[in-house]
Protein backbone atom coordinates (compact mmCIF):
# COMPACT_ATOMS: atom_id res chain seq x y z
CA MET A 1 3.42 101.06 18.50
CA THR A 2 3.11 104.33 17.02
CA GLU A 3 2.01 104.63 13.35
CA THR A 4 5.03 106.64 12.34
CA THR A 5 6.91 103.47 14.03
CA ILE A 6 5.03 101.13 12.01
CA THR A 7 5.15 102.98 8.68
CA SER A 8 9.05 102.69 8.93
CA LEU A 9 9.76 99.35 9.18
CA SER A 10 10.58 97.30 6.36
CA PRO A 11 7.70 95.21 5.03
CA GLY A 12 8.92 91.96 6.53
CA LEU A 13 8.72 93.03 9.84
CA LEU A 14 5.05 94.84 9.46
CA PRO A 15 2.41 93.21 11.96
CA ASP A 16 -0.19 91.16 9.57
CA GLU A 17 -3.04 88.70 10.56
CA ALA A 18 -0.38 85.82 10.99
CA SER A 19 2.18 88.25 13.06
CA PRO A 20 0.40 90.35 15.31
CA GLU A 21 1.84 93.57 16.77
CA TRP A 22 3.05 91.61 20.08
CA LEU A 23 4.94 89.01 17.70
CA ASN A 24 9.02 89.62 17.51
CA LYS A 25 10.12 87.84 14.54
CA GLY A 26 13.48 87.60 15.61
CA ASP A 27 12.68 86.11 18.93
CA ASN A 28 10.04 83.70 17.08
CA ALA A 29 12.58 82.77 14.72
CA TRP A 30 15.41 81.90 17.07
CA GLN A 31 13.09 80.13 19.58
CA LEU A 32 11.94 77.76 16.76
CA THR A 33 15.54 77.41 15.78
CA ALA A 34 16.48 76.59 19.42
CA ALA A 35 13.92 74.25 19.51
CA ALA A 36 14.76 72.09 16.57
CA LEU A 37 18.46 72.31 17.77
CA VAL A 38 17.50 70.39 21.05
CA GLY A 39 15.30 67.85 19.07
CA LEU A 40 18.34 66.94 17.12
CA GLN A 41 19.97 66.15 20.25
CA SER A 42 17.92 63.18 20.39
CA VAL A 43 17.15 62.39 16.77
CA PRO A 44 19.35 61.97 15.49
CA GLY A 45 21.98 62.67 18.12
CA LEU A 46 21.46 60.19 21.09
CA VAL A 47 19.96 57.83 18.40
CA ILE A 48 23.76 57.62 16.75
CA LEU A 49 25.57 57.77 20.18
CA TYR A 50 23.59 54.99 21.83
CA GLY A 51 23.59 52.71 18.48
CA SER A 52 27.24 53.45 18.44
CA MET A 53 28.48 53.39 22.24
CA VAL A 54 27.35 49.91 22.69
CA LYS A 55 28.12 46.59 22.04
CA LYS A 56 27.59 45.60 18.40
CA LYS A 57 24.50 43.33 18.98
CA TRP A 58 22.71 45.96 21.41
CA ALA A 59 23.25 48.85 18.78
CA VAL A 60 19.60 48.39 17.13
CA ASN A 61 17.94 48.10 20.34
CA SER A 62 19.75 50.74 22.05
CA ALA A 63 19.20 53.34 18.92
CA PHE A 64 15.54 52.23 18.75
CA MET A 65 14.78 52.88 22.38
CA ALA A 66 15.71 56.64 21.79
CA LEU A 67 13.75 56.65 18.79
CA TYR A 68 10.58 55.62 20.62
CA ALA A 69 10.97 57.73 23.63
CA PHE A 70 11.19 60.72 21.18
CA ALA A 71 7.78 59.72 19.53
CA ALA A 72 5.93 58.64 22.38
CA VAL A 73 6.74 61.89 24.67
CA LEU A 74 5.99 64.07 21.79
CA ILE A 75 2.55 62.66 21.50
CA CYS A 76 1.69 62.60 25.42
CA TRP A 77 3.32 66.02 25.68
CA VAL A 78 0.85 67.47 23.48
CA MET A 79 -2.27 65.71 25.10
CA TRP A 80 -1.59 66.23 28.81
CA ALA A 81 2.04 66.19 30.09
CA HIS A 82 2.76 70.29 28.76
CA GLN A 83 -0.40 71.28 30.94
CA LEU A 84 0.75 68.94 33.76
CA SER A 85 4.08 70.72 33.74
CA PHE A 86 2.96 74.49 32.97
CA GLY A 87 -0.75 74.46 33.61
CA ASN A 88 -1.70 77.61 35.45
CA LYS A 89 -4.36 75.88 37.47
CA PRO A 90 -2.64 73.83 40.56
CA MET A 91 -3.47 70.01 40.97
CA GLY A 92 -1.25 69.33 44.19
CA ILE A 93 2.25 69.00 42.81
CA MET A 94 1.69 69.49 39.63
CA GLY A 95 -0.93 71.25 37.04
CA GLN A 96 -4.37 70.23 36.04
CA PRO A 97 -4.33 68.69 32.52
CA ASN A 98 -6.63 69.81 29.96
CA LEU A 99 -6.69 69.75 25.94
CA SER A 100 -5.86 73.17 25.14
CA THR A 101 -2.28 72.26 23.80
CA VAL A 102 -4.05 70.78 20.73
CA THR A 103 -6.31 73.97 20.13
CA GLN A 104 -5.16 76.80 17.65
CA LYS A 105 -6.58 79.60 20.25
CA TYR A 106 -4.18 78.59 22.97
CA LEU A 107 -0.68 77.70 20.72
CA LEU A 108 -1.33 81.07 19.00
CA GLU A 109 -1.56 83.09 22.11
CA LYS A 110 1.09 85.18 23.53
CA LEU A 111 3.52 83.40 25.97
CA HIS A 112 3.13 85.25 29.26
CA ASP A 113 5.45 88.41 29.06
CA LYS A 114 7.43 87.15 26.30
CA MET A 115 6.96 88.03 22.31
CA ILE A 116 6.41 84.44 20.93
CA PRO A 117 3.51 82.08 20.57
CA ASN A 118 2.79 79.57 23.21
CA ALA A 119 3.08 76.82 20.38
CA ASP A 120 7.33 77.72 20.30
CA TYR A 121 7.40 76.84 23.81
CA VAL A 122 5.29 73.57 23.57
CA PHE A 123 7.82 72.45 21.21
CA TYR A 124 10.86 73.44 23.03
CA GLN A 125 9.72 71.96 26.24
CA PHE A 126 8.73 68.90 24.46
CA ALA A 127 12.45 68.63 23.29
CA PHE A 128 13.36 68.85 26.88
CA ALA A 129 11.03 66.55 28.01
CA ALA A 130 11.88 63.78 25.39
CA ILE A 131 15.84 63.99 25.65
CA THR A 132 15.29 63.75 29.65
CA VAL A 133 13.66 60.15 29.11
CA ILE A 134 16.21 59.17 26.13
CA LEU A 135 18.94 60.21 28.68
CA LEU A 136 17.78 58.05 31.61
CA GLY A 137 17.47 55.34 29.18
CA GLY A 138 21.37 55.11 28.60
CA SER A 139 21.22 53.55 32.36
CA LEU A 140 18.95 50.71 30.99
CA LEU A 141 20.92 49.87 27.53
CA GLY A 142 21.57 46.26 26.99
CA ARG A 143 18.91 44.31 28.76
CA MET A 144 15.49 46.15 29.64
CA ASN A 145 12.64 44.69 27.99
CA PHE A 146 11.62 46.85 24.63
CA TYR A 147 7.87 46.38 25.53
CA ALA A 148 8.67 47.16 29.34
CA TRP A 149 10.56 50.40 27.93
CA MET A 150 7.28 51.28 25.64
CA ILE A 151 4.75 51.21 28.97
CA PHE A 152 7.70 52.95 31.24
CA VAL A 153 8.31 56.18 28.77
CA PRO A 154 4.88 57.75 29.33
CA LEU A 155 4.20 56.69 32.81
CA TRP A 156 7.76 58.06 33.95
CA LEU A 157 6.83 61.59 31.90
CA THR A 158 3.65 61.50 33.52
CA PHE A 159 4.35 61.18 37.05
CA SER A 160 8.33 61.80 37.37
CA TYR A 161 9.43 64.48 34.80
CA THR A 162 6.09 66.81 34.86
CA VAL A 163 6.51 66.90 38.81
CA GLY A 164 10.05 68.50 38.84
CA ALA A 165 9.10 70.49 35.78
CA TYR A 166 6.11 72.00 37.38
CA THR A 167 7.93 72.53 41.00
CA ILE A 168 10.92 74.34 39.72
CA TRP A 169 9.91 76.22 36.41
CA GLY A 170 6.03 76.08 36.51
CA GLU A 171 3.70 77.18 39.50
CA GLY A 172 5.12 74.97 41.96
CA PHE A 173 6.46 75.45 45.17
CA LEU A 174 10.25 76.36 44.33
CA SER A 175 9.89 77.86 41.46
CA LYS A 176 10.23 81.28 42.46
CA TYR A 177 13.42 80.39 44.81
CA ILE A 178 15.60 77.82 42.45
CA ILE A 179 18.20 79.05 40.27
CA ASP A 180 18.12 76.68 37.34
CA PHE A 181 18.55 78.25 33.82
CA SER A 182 18.08 75.42 31.86
CA GLY A 183 17.59 72.16 33.71
CA GLY A 184 20.47 71.36 35.53
CA TYR A 185 17.67 69.60 38.16
CA VAL A 186 14.50 69.42 36.14
CA ILE A 187 16.49 67.25 33.41
CA HIS A 188 20.11 66.12 34.57
CA LEU A 189 19.72 65.54 37.96
CA SER A 190 16.25 63.52 37.26
CA SER A 191 17.79 61.50 34.49
CA GLY A 192 20.58 60.39 36.15
CA VAL A 193 18.72 59.76 39.42
CA ALA A 194 15.70 58.19 37.61
CA GLY A 195 18.06 56.05 35.50
CA PHE A 196 20.00 54.78 38.27
CA THR A 197 16.98 53.65 40.23
CA ALA A 198 15.41 52.27 37.28
CA ALA A 199 18.69 50.34 36.63
CA TYR A 200 18.67 48.83 40.49
CA TRP A 201 14.94 47.33 39.25
CA VAL A 202 15.54 46.16 36.11
CA GLY A 203 18.89 44.55 36.95
CA PRO A 204 22.00 44.20 35.38
CA ARG A 205 23.48 42.97 32.11
CA ILE A 206 24.76 39.43 31.46
CA ASP A 207 28.29 38.86 33.02
CA LYS A 208 30.15 38.89 29.56
CA ASP A 209 28.49 42.14 28.18
CA LYS A 210 29.04 43.68 31.68
CA ASP A 211 32.66 42.96 31.59
CA HIS A 212 33.22 43.46 27.94
CA PHE A 213 31.16 45.99 26.19
CA PRO A 214 33.35 48.03 23.87
CA PRO A 215 31.58 50.70 21.34
CA ASN A 216 30.91 49.09 18.03
CA ASN A 217 31.61 52.50 16.07
CA ILE A 218 33.72 55.04 17.69
CA ILE A 219 33.54 56.95 14.65
CA HIS A 220 29.61 57.44 14.77
CA MET A 221 29.98 57.93 18.76
CA MET A 222 31.68 61.32 17.89
CA ALA A 223 29.39 62.20 15.28
CA GLY A 224 26.57 61.50 17.92
CA ALA A 225 28.51 63.48 20.50
CA GLY A 226 28.78 66.24 17.91
CA PHE A 227 24.89 66.57 17.59
CA LEU A 228 25.05 66.82 21.21
CA TRP A 229 27.41 69.36 21.82
CA MET A 230 26.25 71.82 19.01
CA GLY A 231 22.85 71.43 19.79
CA TRP A 232 23.29 72.43 23.11
CA SER A 233 23.61 75.84 21.58
CA GLY A 234 19.85 75.83 21.29
CA PHE A 235 19.35 74.10 24.91
CA ASN A 236 20.60 76.69 27.19
CA GLY A 237 20.33 79.49 24.25
CA GLY A 238 16.52 79.05 23.80
CA SER A 239 15.64 79.61 27.83
CA PRO A 240 15.81 83.24 27.52
CA GLN A 241 12.85 82.93 25.00
CA ALA A 242 14.32 85.71 23.30
CA ALA A 243 17.34 86.71 20.66
CA ASN A 244 18.92 88.83 23.54
CA GLY A 245 22.14 89.27 25.35
CA ILE A 246 21.45 86.42 27.97
CA ALA A 247 20.86 83.97 24.98
CA SER A 248 24.07 85.18 23.72
CA LEU A 249 26.06 84.81 26.84
CA ALA A 250 24.35 81.48 27.64
CA VAL A 251 25.81 79.92 24.15
CA LEU A 252 29.39 80.94 24.60
CA ASN A 253 29.27 80.15 28.28
CA THR A 254 28.15 76.55 27.20
CA HIS A 255 30.76 76.32 25.11
CA LEU A 256 33.55 77.49 27.02
CA CYS A 257 32.73 75.14 30.17
CA THR A 258 32.46 72.11 27.69
CA GLY A 259 35.46 72.56 25.84
CA THR A 260 37.22 73.00 29.38
CA SER A 261 35.79 70.09 30.78
CA VAL A 262 37.02 67.91 27.98
CA LEU A 263 40.69 69.01 28.74
CA VAL A 264 40.33 68.51 32.14
CA TRP A 265 38.84 64.94 31.80
CA MET A 266 41.69 64.14 29.07
CA VAL A 267 44.43 65.31 31.29
CA PHE A 268 43.07 63.00 34.26
CA ASP A 269 42.95 60.07 31.77
CA LEU A 270 46.48 60.50 30.87
CA ILE A 271 47.60 60.60 33.98
CA TYR A 272 45.44 57.93 35.61
CA PHE A 273 45.48 55.50 32.62
CA GLU A 274 48.69 56.89 30.37
CA LYS A 275 46.48 57.49 27.96
CA SER A 276 43.48 59.61 26.63
CA SER A 277 40.65 58.13 24.98
CA VAL A 278 37.66 59.07 22.86
CA VAL A 279 35.07 57.66 25.10
CA GLY A 280 36.60 59.62 28.10
CA ALA A 281 36.62 62.87 25.85
CA ILE A 282 32.79 62.32 25.55
CA GLN A 283 32.05 61.55 28.73
CA GLY A 284 34.07 64.85 29.86
CA MET A 285 32.12 66.79 27.07
CA MET A 286 28.86 65.67 28.75
CA THR A 287 29.62 66.63 32.40
CA GLY A 288 30.91 69.99 31.08
CA LEU A 289 27.42 70.46 28.88
CA VAL A 290 25.51 69.25 32.04
CA CYS A 291 27.17 71.30 34.70
CA ILE A 292 26.98 74.65 32.83
CA THR A 293 23.28 74.19 32.23
CA PRO A 294 21.64 75.61 35.24
CA ALA A 295 23.61 78.31 35.51
CA ALA A 296 24.65 79.47 31.59
CA GLY A 297 23.22 82.64 31.41
CA ILE A 298 23.79 83.94 34.97
CA VAL A 299 27.41 83.52 35.29
CA ASP A 300 30.66 85.29 33.68
CA SER A 301 32.68 83.56 31.14
CA TRP A 302 35.46 82.77 33.73
CA THR A 303 33.00 81.49 35.85
CA ALA A 304 32.11 78.99 33.12
CA MET A 305 35.70 78.03 32.51
CA LEU A 306 36.10 77.21 36.70
CA MET A 307 32.95 75.12 36.31
CA GLY A 308 34.52 73.35 33.07
CA VAL A 309 37.38 72.48 35.61
CA LEU A 310 35.08 71.03 38.39
CA ALA A 311 32.91 69.13 35.77
CA GLY A 312 36.01 67.51 34.10
CA SER A 313 37.53 66.92 37.71
CA ILE A 314 34.49 65.60 40.18
CA PRO A 315 32.40 63.52 37.67
CA TRP A 316 35.50 61.71 36.67
CA TYR A 317 36.55 60.97 40.17
CA THR A 318 33.47 59.44 41.16
CA MET A 319 32.91 57.51 38.07
CA MET A 320 36.39 56.44 38.02
CA VAL A 321 37.39 56.00 41.67
CA LEU A 322 34.40 56.00 43.80
CA HIS A 323 32.29 53.93 41.75
CA LYS A 324 34.73 51.10 42.46
CA LYS A 325 34.65 51.49 45.82
CA ILE A 326 31.25 51.88 47.07
CA LYS A 327 29.28 48.68 47.32
CA LEU A 328 25.77 50.09 45.91
CA LEU A 329 27.62 51.47 42.81
CA LYS A 330 29.24 48.40 41.59
CA GLU A 331 26.20 46.29 42.28
CA VAL A 332 23.60 48.67 40.23
CA ASP A 333 24.68 48.16 36.64
CA ASP A 334 24.42 51.86 35.03
CA THR A 335 25.38 50.99 31.44
CA LEU A 336 26.30 54.36 30.34
CA GLY A 337 27.64 56.02 33.89
CA VAL A 338 24.34 58.38 33.49
CA LEU A 339 24.49 58.80 37.51
CA HIS A 340 27.75 60.54 37.31
CA THR A 341 27.69 62.33 33.78
CA HIS A 342 23.89 63.64 34.55
CA ALA A 343 23.01 63.41 38.53
CA VAL A 344 26.70 64.19 39.77
CA ALA A 345 27.27 66.79 37.01
CA GLY A 346 23.78 68.15 37.31
CA LEU A 347 23.99 68.68 41.10
CA LEU A 348 27.78 69.81 40.65
CA GLY A 349 26.15 72.82 38.19
CA GLY A 350 22.84 73.67 40.71
CA LEU A 351 24.84 74.19 43.79
CA SER A 352 27.46 76.13 41.73
CA SER A 353 25.16 78.30 40.55
CA GLY A 354 23.82 79.10 44.27
CA ILE A 355 27.50 80.08 44.80
CA LEU A 356 28.46 82.00 41.55
CA ALA A 357 25.38 83.39 39.85
CA LYS A 358 26.09 87.07 39.11
CA PRO A 359 23.37 89.50 40.78
CA ASN A 360 22.75 91.60 37.52
CA LEU A 361 22.37 88.57 35.47
CA VAL A 362 20.14 87.15 37.94
CA ARG A 363 17.96 90.33 37.63
CA LEU A 364 17.75 90.35 33.68
CA PHE A 365 16.92 86.60 33.34
CA TYR A 366 14.29 86.28 36.38
CA ASN A 367 11.56 88.53 36.84
CA LEU A 368 12.31 89.67 40.29
CA ASP A 369 9.00 91.35 40.72
CA LYS A 370 7.23 88.25 40.68
CA SER A 371 10.26 85.61 41.89
CA ARG A 372 12.90 85.57 44.73
CA GLN A 373 15.76 84.20 43.27
CA GLY A 374 18.81 85.74 44.90
CA PRO A 375 22.67 86.40 44.10
CA GLY A 376 25.27 83.68 44.16
CA LEU A 377 26.88 83.17 47.86
CA LEU A 378 30.05 84.42 46.52
CA TYR A 379 28.52 87.83 45.14
CA SER A 380 26.61 88.23 48.31
CA VAL A 381 29.43 87.95 50.74
CA ILE A 382 32.28 90.24 48.76
CA ASN A 383 29.66 92.80 47.21
CA SER A 384 27.52 93.12 50.36
CA SER A 385 25.45 96.32 50.39
CA ALA A 386 22.31 97.78 50.63
CA ASP A 387 20.66 95.92 47.93
CA ILE A 388 22.65 92.57 48.15
CA HIS A 389 23.01 90.99 51.74
CA ALA A 390 25.08 87.93 52.54
CA HIS A 391 22.05 86.39 53.95
CA ASP A 392 20.54 86.37 50.66
CA GLY A 393 23.47 84.22 49.07
CA PHE A 394 23.28 81.78 51.98
CA MET A 395 19.41 81.60 51.71
CA GLN A 396 19.75 80.95 47.77
CA MET A 397 22.29 77.98 48.90
CA VAL A 398 19.55 76.51 51.05
CA TYR A 399 16.94 76.57 48.34
CA GLN A 400 19.35 75.03 45.75
CA ILE A 401 19.99 72.02 48.39
CA VAL A 402 16.47 71.75 49.21
CA GLY A 403 15.40 71.60 45.21
CA ALA A 404 17.86 68.96 44.88
CA ILE A 405 16.71 66.95 47.73
CA PHE A 406 12.93 66.99 46.65
CA ILE A 407 13.95 66.29 42.95
CA SER A 408 16.53 63.33 44.06
CA THR A 409 13.63 61.96 46.40
CA TRP A 410 10.73 62.41 43.97
CA ASN A 411 12.52 60.49 41.37
CA ILE A 412 13.54 57.56 43.51
CA GLY A 413 10.10 57.38 44.49
CA ALA A 414 8.44 57.81 41.81
CA THR A 415 10.75 55.75 39.27
CA SER A 416 10.55 52.82 41.89
CA GLY A 417 6.75 52.88 41.77
CA ILE A 418 6.60 52.96 38.18
CA CYS A 419 9.11 50.22 37.82
CA LYS A 420 7.04 47.55 40.06
CA LEU A 421 3.92 48.38 38.07
CA VAL A 422 5.54 48.14 34.87
CA SER A 423 6.84 44.74 36.28
CA TRP A 424 3.17 43.45 37.12
CA LEU A 425 2.15 43.94 33.50
CA VAL A 426 5.81 42.66 31.56
CA GLU A 427 9.02 41.34 32.55
CA LEU A 428 11.10 44.37 33.39
CA LYS A 429 14.41 42.68 31.90
CA MET A 430 14.48 40.57 28.73
CA HIS A 431 15.25 36.52 29.12
CA GLU A 432 18.35 35.24 29.17
CA ASP A 433 18.04 33.48 25.40
CA ASP A 434 17.62 36.98 24.10
CA LEU A 435 20.51 38.77 26.22
CA GLU A 436 22.68 36.38 24.87
CA ILE A 437 21.67 37.13 21.33
CA GLY A 438 20.83 40.56 21.25
CA ASP A 439 19.21 42.58 18.43
CA ASP A 440 18.54 39.83 16.01
CA ALA A 441 16.32 37.84 19.11
CA VAL A 442 14.58 41.05 20.41
CA HIS A 443 13.76 43.06 16.67
CA GLY A 444 15.13 40.77 14.04
CA GLU A 445 17.13 42.90 12.81
CA GLU A 446 21.39 43.84 12.84
CA ALA A 447 22.96 46.91 12.60
CA TYR A 448 25.80 45.67 10.48
CA ALA A 449 24.23 43.14 8.06
CA LEU A 450 27.18 42.55 5.81
CA TRP A 451 26.61 39.79 3.19
CA GLY A 452 27.98 36.99 5.07
CA ASP A 453 26.69 37.88 8.30
CA GLY A 454 23.36 38.85 6.71
CA GLN A 455 22.82 35.55 4.96
CA ARG A 456 23.97 33.45 8.24
CA ASP A 457 21.94 35.56 10.42
CA LEU A 458 18.61 35.46 8.00
CA SER A 459 18.86 31.59 7.91
CA LEU A 460 18.78 31.54 11.74
CA ARG A 461 15.75 33.83 11.76
CA LEU A 462 14.13 31.74 9.29
CA PHE A 463 15.18 28.49 11.29
CA ARG A 464 13.45 30.15 14.70
CA ARG A 465 10.78 31.22 12.88
CA SER A 466 10.00 27.80 11.53
CA LEU A 467 10.23 26.31 14.97
CA ALA A 468 7.77 28.82 16.58
CA PHE A 469 4.73 27.85 14.16
CA ARG A 470 5.30 24.02 14.55
């Protein structure tokens, strides 16, 4: 930066000791905002959504599982998991852990070729890791032992999530080949497959909960969903780590795909069930958000709406039709249908990225001097030229499929191993008596302690405690 350029800047943009010349204050402000938006998706977003989307007796437990995971992931992420995911010293299929992420020297250094400090990226990626674990937990609501969950969270973060993040976003063997703009594979395919796997090992809810599990507060459920939808502006808009055109396109595409998916899901509900429901609309919202995630900044807006049509129809079909026909899907009790809303939609988005990614947008987002992400199959076929070959698009589809297979296989194996390990320490599932009672038995608290209920439940708790001391 020349002396003339510096003197022409307004005082607020001038470099100083806290703002070195490489720091772009606009990028920095946007990245912190985006990270905060992603954090708000979990707390309070998923805390509210989980607490209201389940049966009344599980409201506290479900919300508390999300709150605990957010806090636990934060500590683990800063202490070791960030370096396992993004460390530049390889250790097999993950980075080498160290404590640099708690040091001022590392946190205030420039992030690679970006104009923000490492601290922004650590916080942003923490918010991604936290929401992944919480989404996984949606498969386990209404029966998992809370103390088993407390052990499961740091183990799964360490041995499952970090491997996917390192492999696709870090320095891993697929990082130069896979198109995953903001986590269709790393976050959503992982959480959906791992959640379904964990649900298999934990076992089902009691029959009367499985057969009748109505939301306890539809209005609060919509409020939690609102945090998720609007928070996704930061989820996808923050991936470029800059306040640039790709970020703007990613935000717009995110909402276009989601709005389309909601409408398509509602239409299918109307045709099939003769009425549209709030729960269905929220499921459609979720699948739209998930589907666009791996492609948000690298596809045209018409493509985003096309992906919304796919997101509102294919996961609807797997959830409403296939789920009732396939034996394994019927046997595994996936409480909130995370397999469909995240694994199916994430896979759909990842494969769609391999078909519909626009060459010039791929070049703008990825540093193709170091990476080899290719154009989408569609553009490589219809725009074949000296720079773009049909072979490139076919190879990109191969990479997307290989990435999906690796993430799915790793999560099945790692999650199964972690569940077995936790089961040797504590029971994965609550005791039958606690399953009958719910929150009051597990936490000694209830979500809606109105005067009459509070008096009765308080007396019951005091009676149980008196028995325990005899």
